[in-house]
Amino acid sequence: MIRSELLHELHKDNPELRAEEIEQVVDIFFDEIAQRLAEGGRVELRGFGAFSTREREARSGRNPRTGETVDVPAKRVPYFKAGKEIRERLND
């Protein structure tokens, strides 16, 4: 599902809301998750899963085009762990 499909589905379920209002809610939802992760926090949605970040250590990589060794700096990456209910729905 892409963002426009999500907006369309939400509008079908909530016809009393204008499209702009639904888009604003979706924007706020994703912005809040991104902001919390940027602050080093965690977002848990019961029954769905938890978003957090993980640390990746610095390492040596390889440029696939030239084969040259390249230093890759340490960084934080987003991580998602599915909740119990969603895992059960996937494996029914």
PDB file of N, CA and C in Angstrom:
ATOM      1  N   MET A   1       0.849  -1.174   0.000  1.00  0.00           N
ATOM      2  CA  MET A   1       0.000   0.000   0.000  1.00  0.00           C
ATOM      3  C   MET A   1       0.892   1.234   0.000  1.00  0.00           C
ATOM      4  N   ILE A   2       0.528   2.190  -0.821  1.00  0.00           N
ATOM      5  CA  ILE A   2       1.248   3.450  -0.853  1.00  0.00           C
ATOM      6  C   ILE A   2       0.423   4.513  -0.123  1.00  0.00           C
ATOM      7  N   ARG A   3       1.048   5.667   0.111  1.00  0.00           N
ATOM      8  CA  ARG A   3       0.421   6.715   0.917  1.00  0.00           C
ATOM      9  C   ARG A   3      -0.951   7.122   0.379  1.00  0.00           C
ATOM     10  N   SER A   4      -1.070   7.299  -0.937  1.00  0.00           N
ATOM     11  CA  SER A   4      -2.350   7.723  -1.517  1.00  0.00           C
ATOM     12  C   SER A   4      -3.438   6.674  -1.300  1.00  0.00           C
ATOM     13  N   GLU A   5      -3.070   5.397  -1.334  1.00  0.00           N
ATOM     14  CA  GLU A   5      -4.050   4.332  -1.071  1.00  0.00           C
ATOM     15  C   GLU A   5      -4.494   4.363   0.393  1.00  0.00           C
ATOM     16  N   LEU A   6      -3.569   4.626   1.294  1.00  0.00           N
ATOM     17  CA  LEU A   6      -3.911   4.750   2.703  1.00  0.00           C
ATOM     18  C   LEU A   6      -4.883   5.905   2.913  1.00  0.00           C
ATOM     19  N   LEU A   7      -4.601   7.045   2.310  1.00  0.00           N
ATOM     20  CA  LEU A   7      -5.490   8.202   2.423  1.00  0.00           C
ATOM     21  C   LEU A   7      -6.876   7.873   1.883  1.00  0.00           C
ATOM     22  N   HIS A   8      -6.924   7.173   0.758  1.00  0.00           N
ATOM     23  CA  HIS A   8      -8.214   6.796   0.149  1.00  0.00           C
ATOM     24  C   HIS A   8      -9.007   5.870   1.078  1.00  0.00           C
ATOM     25  N   GLU A   9      -8.353   4.876   1.655  1.00  0.00           N
ATOM     26  CA  GLU A   9      -9.028   3.947   2.568  1.00  0.00           C
ATOM     27  C   GLU A   9      -9.544   4.662   3.815  1.00  0.00           C
ATOM     28  N   LEU A  10      -8.747   5.565   4.359  1.00  0.00           N
ATOM     29  CA  LEU A  10      -9.177   6.326   5.530  1.00  0.00           C
ATOM     30  C   LEU A  10     -10.373   7.213   5.188  1.00  0.00           C
ATOM     31  N   HIS A  11     -10.378   7.777   3.993  1.00  0.00           N
ATOM     32  CA  HIS A  11     -11.493   8.618   3.573  1.00  0.00           C
ATOM     33  C   HIS A  11     -12.769   7.796   3.390  1.00  0.00           C
ATOM     34  N   LYS A  12     -12.635   6.586   2.864  1.00  0.00           N
ATOM     35  CA  LYS A  12     -13.806   5.696   2.712  1.00  0.00           C
ATOM     36  C   LYS A  12     -14.414   5.366   4.071  1.00  0.00           C
ATOM     37  N   ASP A  13     -13.565   5.135   5.070  1.00  0.00           N
ATOM     38  CA  ASP A  13     -14.037   4.784   6.414  1.00  0.00           C
ATOM     39  C   ASP A  13     -14.527   5.989   7.208  1.00  0.00           C
ATOM     40  N   ASN A  14     -14.123   7.191   6.799  1.00  0.00           N
ATOM     41  CA  ASN A  14     -14.481   8.419   7.524  1.00  0.00           C
ATOM     42  C   ASN A  14     -14.971   9.487   6.550  1.00  0.00           C
ATOM     43  N   PRO A  15     -16.124   9.265   5.909  1.00  0.00           N
ATOM     44  CA  PRO A  15     -16.588  10.218   4.891  1.00  0.00           C
ATOM     45  C   PRO A  15     -16.929  11.597   5.450  1.00  0.00           C
ATOM     46  N   GLU A  16     -17.113  11.704   6.765  1.00  0.00           N
ATOM     47  CA  GLU A  16     -17.437  12.998   7.363  1.00  0.00           C
ATOM     48  C   GLU A  16     -16.220  13.927   7.427  1.00  0.00           C
ATOM     49  N   LEU A  17     -15.019  13.376   7.234  1.00  0.00           N
ATOM     50  CA  LEU A  17     -13.800  14.182   7.245  1.00  0.00           C
ATOM     51  C   LEU A  17     -13.421  14.589   5.822  1.00  0.00           C
ATOM     52  N   ARG A  18     -12.921  15.817   5.682  1.00  0.00           N
ATOM     53  CA  ARG A  18     -12.435  16.272   4.381  1.00  0.00           C
ATOM     54  C   ARG A  18     -11.096  15.592   4.087  1.00  0.00           C
ATOM     55  N   ALA A  19     -10.751  15.493   2.820  1.00  0.00           N
ATOM     56  CA  ALA A  19      -9.492  14.863   2.403  1.00  0.00           C
ATOM     57  C   ALA A  19      -8.301  15.565   3.032  1.00  0.00           C
ATOM     58  N   GLU A  20      -8.367  16.901   3.162  1.00  0.00           N
ATOM     59  CA  GLU A  20      -7.268  17.668   3.754  1.00  0.00           C
ATOM     60  C   GLU A  20      -7.071  17.303   5.224  1.00  0.00           C
ATOM     61  N   GLU A  21      -8.186  17.055   5.918  1.00  0.00           N
ATOM     62  CA  GLU A  21      -8.100  16.687   7.333  1.00  0.00           C
ATOM     63  C   GLU A  21      -7.457  15.315   7.507  1.00  0.00           C
ATOM     64  N   ILE A  22      -7.835  14.390   6.651  1.00  0.00           N
ATOM     65  CA  ILE A  22      -7.257  13.044   6.719  1.00  0.00           C
ATOM     66  C   ILE A  22      -5.773  13.098   6.405  1.00  0.00           C
ATOM     67  N   GLU A  23      -5.401  13.869   5.402  1.00  0.00           N
ATOM     68  CA  GLU A  23      -3.986  14.004   5.054  1.00  0.00           C
ATOM     69  C   GLU A  23      -3.201  14.631   6.204  1.00  0.00           C
ATOM     70  N   GLN A  24      -3.791  15.601   6.880  1.00  0.00           N
ATOM     71  CA  GLN A  24      -3.129  16.240   8.016  1.00  0.00           C
ATOM     72  C   GLN A  24      -2.909  15.244   9.156  1.00  0.00           C
ATOM     73  N   VAL A  25      -3.891  14.390   9.424  1.00  0.00           N
ATOM     74  CA  VAL A  25      -3.763  13.376  10.478  1.00  0.00           C
ATOM     75  C   VAL A  25      -2.637  12.403  10.146  1.00  0.00           C
ATOM     76  N   VAL A  26      -2.589  11.945   8.903  1.00  0.00           N
ATOM     77  CA  VAL A  26      -1.544  11.004   8.482  1.00  0.00           C
ATOM     78  C   VAL A  26      -0.168  11.662   8.585  1.00  0.00           C
ATOM     79  N   ASP A  27      -0.070  12.919   8.148  1.00  0.00           N
ATOM     80  CA  ASP A  27       1.212  13.642   8.242  1.00  0.00           C
ATOM     81  C   ASP A  27       1.663  13.755   9.695  1.00  0.00           C
ATOM     82  N   ILE A  28       0.754  14.130  10.579  1.00  0.00           N
ATOM     83  CA  ILE A  28       1.096  14.270  11.999  1.00  0.00           C
ATOM     84  C   ILE A  28       1.547  12.928  12.566  1.00  0.00           C
ATOM     85  N   PHE A  29       0.835  11.858  12.230  1.00  0.00           N
ATOM     86  CA  PHE A  29       1.151  10.519  12.724  1.00  0.00           C
ATOM     87  C   PHE A  29       2.586  10.129  12.362  1.00  0.00           C
ATOM     88  N   PHE A  30       2.924  10.231  11.078  1.00  0.00           N
ATOM     89  CA  PHE A  30       4.260   9.827  10.644  1.00  0.00           C
ATOM     90  C   PHE A  30       5.336  10.796  11.127  1.00  0.00           C
ATOM     91  N   ASP A  31       5.025  12.090  11.174  1.00  0.00           N
ATOM     92  CA  ASP A  31       6.001  13.064  11.673  1.00  0.00           C
ATOM     93  C   ASP A  31       6.334  12.811  13.138  1.00  0.00           C
ATOM     94  N   GLU A  32       5.333  12.465  13.931  1.00  0.00           N
ATOM     95  CA  GLU A  32       5.572  12.198  15.360  1.00  0.00           C
ATOM     96  C   GLU A  32       6.440  10.952  15.548  1.00  0.00           C
ATOM     97  N   ILE A  33       6.201   9.915  14.762  1.00  0.00           N
ATOM     98  CA  ILE A  33       7.040   8.710  14.842  1.00  0.00           C
ATOM     99  C   ILE A  33       8.482   9.068  14.473  1.00  0.00           C
ATOM    100  N   ALA A  34       8.658   9.786  13.363  1.00  0.00           N
ATOM    101  CA  ALA A  34      10.000  10.158  12.922  1.00  0.00           C
ATOM    102  C   ALA A  34      10.703  11.039  13.953  1.00  0.00           C
ATOM    103  N   GLN A  35       9.967  11.988  14.536  1.00  0.00           N
ATOM    104  CA  GLN A  35      10.558  12.878  15.533  1.00  0.00           C
ATOM    105  C   GLN A  35      11.012  12.105  16.762  1.00  0.00           C
ATOM    106  N   ARG A  36      10.181  11.190  17.236  1.00  0.00           N
ATOM    107  CA  ARG A  36      10.534  10.400  18.423  1.00  0.00           C
ATOM    108  C   ARG A  36      11.771   9.556  18.144  1.00  0.00           C
ATOM    109  N   LEU A  37      11.851   8.945  16.969  1.00  0.00           N
ATOM    110  CA  LEU A  37      13.022   8.137  16.625  1.00  0.00           C
ATOM    111  C   LEU A  37      14.269   9.015  16.516  1.00  0.00           C
ATOM    112  N   ALA A  38      14.127  10.202  15.952  1.00  0.00           N
ATOM    113  CA  ALA A  38      15.266  11.115  15.823  1.00  0.00           C
ATOM    114  C   ALA A  38      15.795  11.526  17.192  1.00  0.00           C
ATOM    115  N   GLU A  39      14.912  11.581  18.181  1.00  0.00           N
ATOM    116  CA  GLU A  39      15.320  11.924  19.546  1.00  0.00           C
ATOM    117  C   GLU A  39      15.905  10.727  20.286  1.00  0.00           C
ATOM    118  N   GLY A  40      15.936   9.579  19.633  1.00  0.00           N
ATOM    119  CA  GLY A  40      16.472   8.373  20.257  1.00  0.00           C
ATOM    120  C   GLY A  40      15.428   7.587  21.026  1.00  0.00           C
ATOM    121  N   GLY A  41      14.164   7.945  20.864  1.00  0.00           N
ATOM    122  CA  GLY A  41      13.087   7.267  21.578  1.00  0.00           C
ATOM    123  C   GLY A  41      12.557   6.037  20.857  1.00  0.00           C
ATOM    124  N   ARG A  42      11.433   5.571  21.351  1.00  0.00           N
ATOM    125  CA  ARG A  42      10.804   4.354  20.833  1.00  0.00           C
ATOM    126  C   ARG A  42       9.311   4.634  20.723  1.00  0.00           C
ATOM    127  N   VAL A  43       8.663   4.057  19.710  1.00  0.00           N
ATOM    128  CA  VAL A  43       7.225   4.203  19.523  1.00  0.00           C
ATOM    129  C   VAL A  43       6.617   2.812  19.497  1.00  0.00           C
ATOM    130  N   GLU A  44       5.700   2.560  20.420  1.00  0.00           N
ATOM    131  CA  GLU A  44       5.058   1.248  20.502  1.00  0.00           C
ATOM    132  C   GLU A  44       3.572   1.391  20.224  1.00  0.00           C
ATOM    133  N   LEU A  45       3.086   0.638  19.245  1.00  0.00           N
ATOM    134  CA  LEU A  45       1.668   0.611  18.905  1.00  0.00           C
ATOM    135  C   LEU A  45       1.156  -0.781  19.259  1.00  0.00           C
ATOM    136  N   ARG A  46       0.430  -0.881  20.346  1.00  0.00           N
ATOM    137  CA  ARG A  46      -0.035  -2.182  20.849  1.00  0.00           C
ATOM    138  C   ARG A  46      -0.769  -2.954  19.766  1.00  0.00           C
ATOM    139  N   GLY A  47      -0.405  -4.213  19.612  1.00  0.00           N
ATOM    140  CA  GLY A  47      -1.023  -5.074  18.623  1.00  0.00           C
ATOM    141  C   GLY A  47      -0.422  -4.943  17.235  1.00  0.00           C
ATOM    142  N   PHE A  48       0.345  -3.887  17.005  1.00  0.00           N
ATOM    143  CA  PHE A  48       0.956  -3.686  15.696  1.00  0.00           C
ATOM    144  C   PHE A  48       2.452  -3.922  15.742  1.00  0.00           C
ATOM    145  N   GLY A  49       3.152  -3.179  16.599  1.00  0.00           N
ATOM    146  CA  GLY A  49       4.587  -3.362  16.705  1.00  0.00           C
ATOM    147  C   GLY A  49       5.267  -2.167  17.330  1.00  0.00           C
ATOM    148  N   ALA A  50       6.577  -2.189  17.310  1.00  0.00           N
ATOM    149  CA  ALA A  50       7.362  -1.132  17.936  1.00  0.00           C
ATOM    150  C   ALA A  50       8.450  -0.649  16.975  1.00  0.00           C
ATOM    151  N   PHE A  51       8.566   0.672  16.887  1.00  0.00           N
ATOM    152  CA  PHE A  51       9.620   1.304  16.105  1.00  0.00           C
ATOM    153  C   PHE A  51      10.703   1.771  17.067  1.00  0.00           C
ATOM    154  N   SER A  52      11.947   1.530  16.710  1.00  0.00           N
ATOM    155  CA  SER A  52      13.073   2.000  17.507  1.00  0.00           C
ATOM    156  C   SER A  52      14.251   2.191  16.562  1.00  0.00           C
ATOM    157  N   THR A  53      15.396   2.526  17.126  1.00  0.00           N
ATOM    158  CA  THR A  53      16.602   2.650  16.303  1.00  0.00           C
ATOM    159  C   THR A  53      17.658   1.696  16.828  1.00  0.00           C
ATOM    160  N   ARG A  54      18.547   1.339  15.965  1.00  0.00           N
ATOM    161  CA  ARG A  54      19.681   0.496  16.333  1.00  0.00           C
ATOM    162  C   ARG A  54      20.957   1.180  15.869  1.00  0.00           C
ATOM    163  N   GLU A  55      22.014   0.934  16.623  1.00  0.00           N
ATOM    164  CA  GLU A  55      23.316   1.506  16.282  1.00  0.00           C
ATOM    165  C   GLU A  55      24.065   0.560  15.353  1.00  0.00           C
ATOM    166  N   ARG A  56      24.639   1.122  14.305  1.00  0.00           N
ATOM    167  CA  ARG A  56      25.527   0.360  13.428  1.00  0.00           C
ATOM    168  C   ARG A  56      26.931   0.905  13.636  1.00  0.00           C
ATOM    169  N   GLU A  57      27.852   0.023  13.898  1.00  0.00           N
ATOM    170  CA  GLU A  57      29.236   0.446  14.126  1.00  0.00           C
ATOM    171  C   GLU A  57      29.906   0.821  12.806  1.00  0.00           C
ATOM    172  N   ALA A  58      30.952   1.620  12.915  1.00  0.00           N
ATOM    173  CA  ALA A  58      31.748   1.971  11.736  1.00  0.00           C
ATOM    174  C   ALA A  58      32.387   0.696  11.197  1.00  0.00           C
ATOM    175  N   ARG A  59      32.552   0.655   9.890  1.00  0.00           N
ATOM    176  CA  ARG A  59      33.126  -0.544   9.280  1.00  0.00           C
ATOM    177  C   ARG A  59      33.814  -0.174   7.978  1.00  0.00           C
ATOM    178  N   SER A  60      34.517  -1.123   7.430  1.00  0.00           N
ATOM    179  CA  SER A  60      35.116  -0.945   6.113  1.00  0.00           C
ATOM    180  C   SER A  60      34.207  -1.612   5.094  1.00  0.00           C
ATOM    181  N   GLY A  61      33.858  -0.861   4.070  1.00  0.00           N
ATOM    182  CA  GLY A  61      33.037  -1.400   2.996  1.00  0.00           C
ATOM    183  C   GLY A  61      33.843  -1.442   1.714  1.00  0.00           C
ATOM    184  N   ARG A  62      33.180  -1.805   0.646  1.00  0.00           N
ATOM    185  CA  ARG A  62      33.859  -1.899  -0.634  1.00  0.00           C
ATOM    186  C   ARG A  62      32.988  -1.251  -1.703  1.00  0.00           C
ATOM    187  N   ASN A  63      33.606  -0.383  -2.490  1.00  0.00           N
ATOM    188  CA  ASN A  63      32.907   0.231  -3.606  1.00  0.00           C
ATOM    189  C   ASN A  63      32.683  -0.857  -4.657  1.00  0.00           C
ATOM    190  N   PRO A  64      31.425  -1.191  -4.976  1.00  0.00           N
ATOM    191  CA  PRO A  64      31.180  -2.303  -5.905  1.00  0.00           C
ATOM    192  C   PRO A  64      31.668  -2.021  -7.318  1.00  0.00           C
ATOM    193  N   ARG A  65      31.757  -0.768  -7.697  1.00  0.00           N
ATOM    194  CA  ARG A  65      32.183  -0.433  -9.053  1.00  0.00           C
ATOM    195  C   ARG A  65      33.691  -0.561  -9.220  1.00  0.00           C
ATOM    196  N   THR A  66      34.449  -0.049  -8.225  1.00  0.00           N
ATOM    197  CA  THR A  66      35.910  -0.032  -8.359  1.00  0.00           C
ATOM    198  C   THR A  66      36.617  -1.086  -7.532  1.00  0.00           C
ATOM    199  N   GLY A  67      35.902  -1.639  -6.517  1.00  0.00           N
ATOM    200  CA  GLY A  67      36.527  -2.600  -5.635  1.00  0.00           C
ATOM    201  C   GLY A  67      37.356  -1.943  -4.545  1.00  0.00           C
ATOM    202  N   GLU A  68      37.395  -0.626  -4.544  1.00  0.00           N
ATOM    203  CA  GLU A  68      38.181   0.127  -3.566  1.00  0.00           C
ATOM    204  C   GLU A  68      37.541   0.027  -2.172  1.00  0.00           C
ATOM    205  N   THR A  69      38.391  -0.064  -1.147  1.00  0.00           N
ATOM    206  CA  THR A  69      37.912  -0.096   0.234  1.00  0.00           C
ATOM    207  C   THR A  69      37.475   1.304   0.651  1.00  0.00           C
ATOM    208  N   VAL A  70      36.300   1.368   1.304  1.00  0.00           N
ATOM    209  CA  VAL A  70      35.731   2.650   1.727  1.00  0.00           C
ATOM    210  C   VAL A  70      35.355   2.550   3.197  1.00  0.00           C
ATOM    211  N   ASP A  71      35.637   3.605   3.972  1.00  0.00           N
ATOM    212  CA  ASP A  71      35.232   3.636   5.375  1.00  0.00           C
ATOM    213  C   ASP A  71      33.771   4.055   5.461  1.00  0.00           C
ATOM    214  N   VAL A  72      32.960   3.254   6.155  1.00  0.00           N
ATOM    215  CA  VAL A  72      31.541   3.559   6.370  1.00  0.00           C
ATOM    216  C   VAL A  72      31.407   3.997   7.824  1.00  0.00           C
ATOM    217  N   PRO A  73      30.921   5.225   8.064  1.00  0.00           N
ATOM    218  CA  PRO A  73      30.842   5.724   9.440  1.00  0.00           C
ATOM    219  C   PRO A  73      29.745   5.032  10.255  1.00  0.00           C
ATOM    220  N   ALA A  74      29.844   5.133  11.574  1.00  0.00           N
ATOM    221  CA  ALA A  74      28.808   4.611  12.463  1.00  0.00           C
ATOM    222  C   ALA A  74      27.525   5.406  12.229  1.00  0.00           C
ATOM    223  N   LYS A  75      26.376   4.755  12.419  1.00  0.00           N
ATOM    224  CA  LYS A  75      25.109   5.455  12.224  1.00  0.00           C
ATOM    225  C   LYS A  75      23.989   4.742  12.960  1.00  0.00           C
ATOM    226  N   ARG A  76      22.887   5.452  13.107  1.00  0.00           N
ATOM    227  CA  ARG A  76      21.672   4.863  13.674  1.00  0.00           C
ATOM    228  C   ARG A  76      20.735   4.539  12.521  1.00  0.00           C
ATOM    229  N   VAL A  77      20.068   3.396  12.592  1.00  0.00           N
ATOM    230  CA  VAL A  77      19.119   2.998  11.566  1.00  0.00           C
ATOM    231  C   VAL A  77      17.782   2.654  12.212  1.00  0.00           C
ATOM    232  N   PRO A  78      16.666   2.901  11.502  1.00  0.00           N
ATOM    233  CA  PRO A  78      15.364   2.556  12.065  1.00  0.00           C
ATOM    234  C   PRO A  78      15.182   1.042  12.117  1.00  0.00           C
ATOM    235  N   TYR A  79      14.422   0.591  13.109  1.00  0.00           N
ATOM    236  CA  TYR A  79      14.174  -0.828  13.300  1.00  0.00           C
ATOM    237  C   TYR A  79      12.705  -1.000  13.683  1.00  0.00           C
ATOM    238  N   PHE A  80      12.053  -2.018  13.133  1.00  0.00           N
ATOM    239  CA  PHE A  80      10.656  -2.306  13.457  1.00  0.00           C
ATOM    240  C   PHE A  80      10.547  -3.744  13.925  1.00  0.00           C
ATOM    241  N   LYS A  81       9.873  -3.940  15.044  1.00  0.00           N
ATOM    242  CA  LYS A  81       9.603  -5.285  15.537  1.00  0.00           C
ATOM    243  C   LYS A  81       8.091  -5.461  15.560  1.00  0.00           C
ATOM    244  N   ALA A  82       7.606  -6.421  14.794  1.00  0.00           N
ATOM    245  CA  ALA A  82       6.168  -6.670  14.706  1.00  0.00           C
ATOM    246  C   ALA A  82       5.622  -7.180  16.030  1.00  0.00           C
ATOM    247  N   GLY A  83       4.404  -6.761  16.353  1.00  0.00           N
ATOM    248  CA  GLY A  83       3.734  -7.207  17.566  1.00  0.00           C
ATOM    249  C   GLY A  83       3.146  -8.596  17.399  1.00  0.00           C
ATOM    250  N   LYS A  84       2.721  -9.173  18.498  1.00  0.00           N
ATOM    251  CA  LYS A  84       2.191 -10.536  18.514  1.00  0.00           C
ATOM    252  C   LYS A  84       0.965 -10.682  17.611  1.00  0.00           C
ATOM    253  N   GLU A  85       0.032  -9.718  17.686  1.00  0.00           N
ATOM    254  CA  GLU A  85      -1.192  -9.826  16.893  1.00  0.00           C
ATOM    255  C   GLU A  85      -0.913  -9.795  15.389  1.00  0.00           C
ATOM    256  N   ILE A  86      -0.026  -8.933  14.958  1.00  0.00           N
ATOM    257  CA  ILE A  86       0.264  -8.854  13.529  1.00  0.00           C
ATOM    258  C   ILE A  86       1.016 -10.106  13.057  1.00  0.00           C
ATOM    259  N   ARG A  87       1.899 -10.635  13.884  1.00  0.00           N
ATOM    260  CA  ARG A  87       2.599 -11.877  13.516  1.00  0.00           C
ATOM    261  C   ARG A  87       1.599 -13.022  13.381  1.00  0.00           C
ATOM    262  N   GLU A  88       0.627 -13.097  14.280  1.00  0.00           N
ATOM    263  CA  GLU A  88      -0.384 -14.153  14.194  1.00  0.00           C
ATOM    264  C   GLU A  88      -1.229 -14.009  12.947  1.00  0.00           C
ATOM    265  N   ARG A  89      -1.592 -12.778  12.577  1.00  0.00           N
ATOM    266  CA  ARG A  89      -2.398 -12.562  11.361  1.00  0.00           C
ATOM    267  C   ARG A  89      -1.625 -12.955  10.123  1.00  0.00           C
ATOM    268  N   LEU A  90      -0.316 -12.736  10.127  1.00  0.00           N
ATOM    269  CA  LEU A  90       0.501 -13.098   8.977  1.00  0.00           C
ATOM    270  C   LEU A  90       0.654 -14.605   8.828  1.00  0.00           C
ATOM    271  N   ASN A  91       0.579 -15.326   9.927  1.00  0.00           N
ATOM    272  CA  ASN A  91       0.839 -16.758   9.908  1.00  0.00           C
ATOM    273  C   ASN A  91      -0.390 -17.632  10.108  1.00  0.00           C
ATOM    274  N   ASP A  92      -1.587 -17.054   9.917  1.00  0.00           N
ATOM    275  CA  ASP A  92      -2.816 -17.862  10.037  1.00  0.00           C
ATOM    276  C   ASP A  92      -2.989 -18.765   8.847  1.00  0.00           C
TER     277      ASP A  92
END
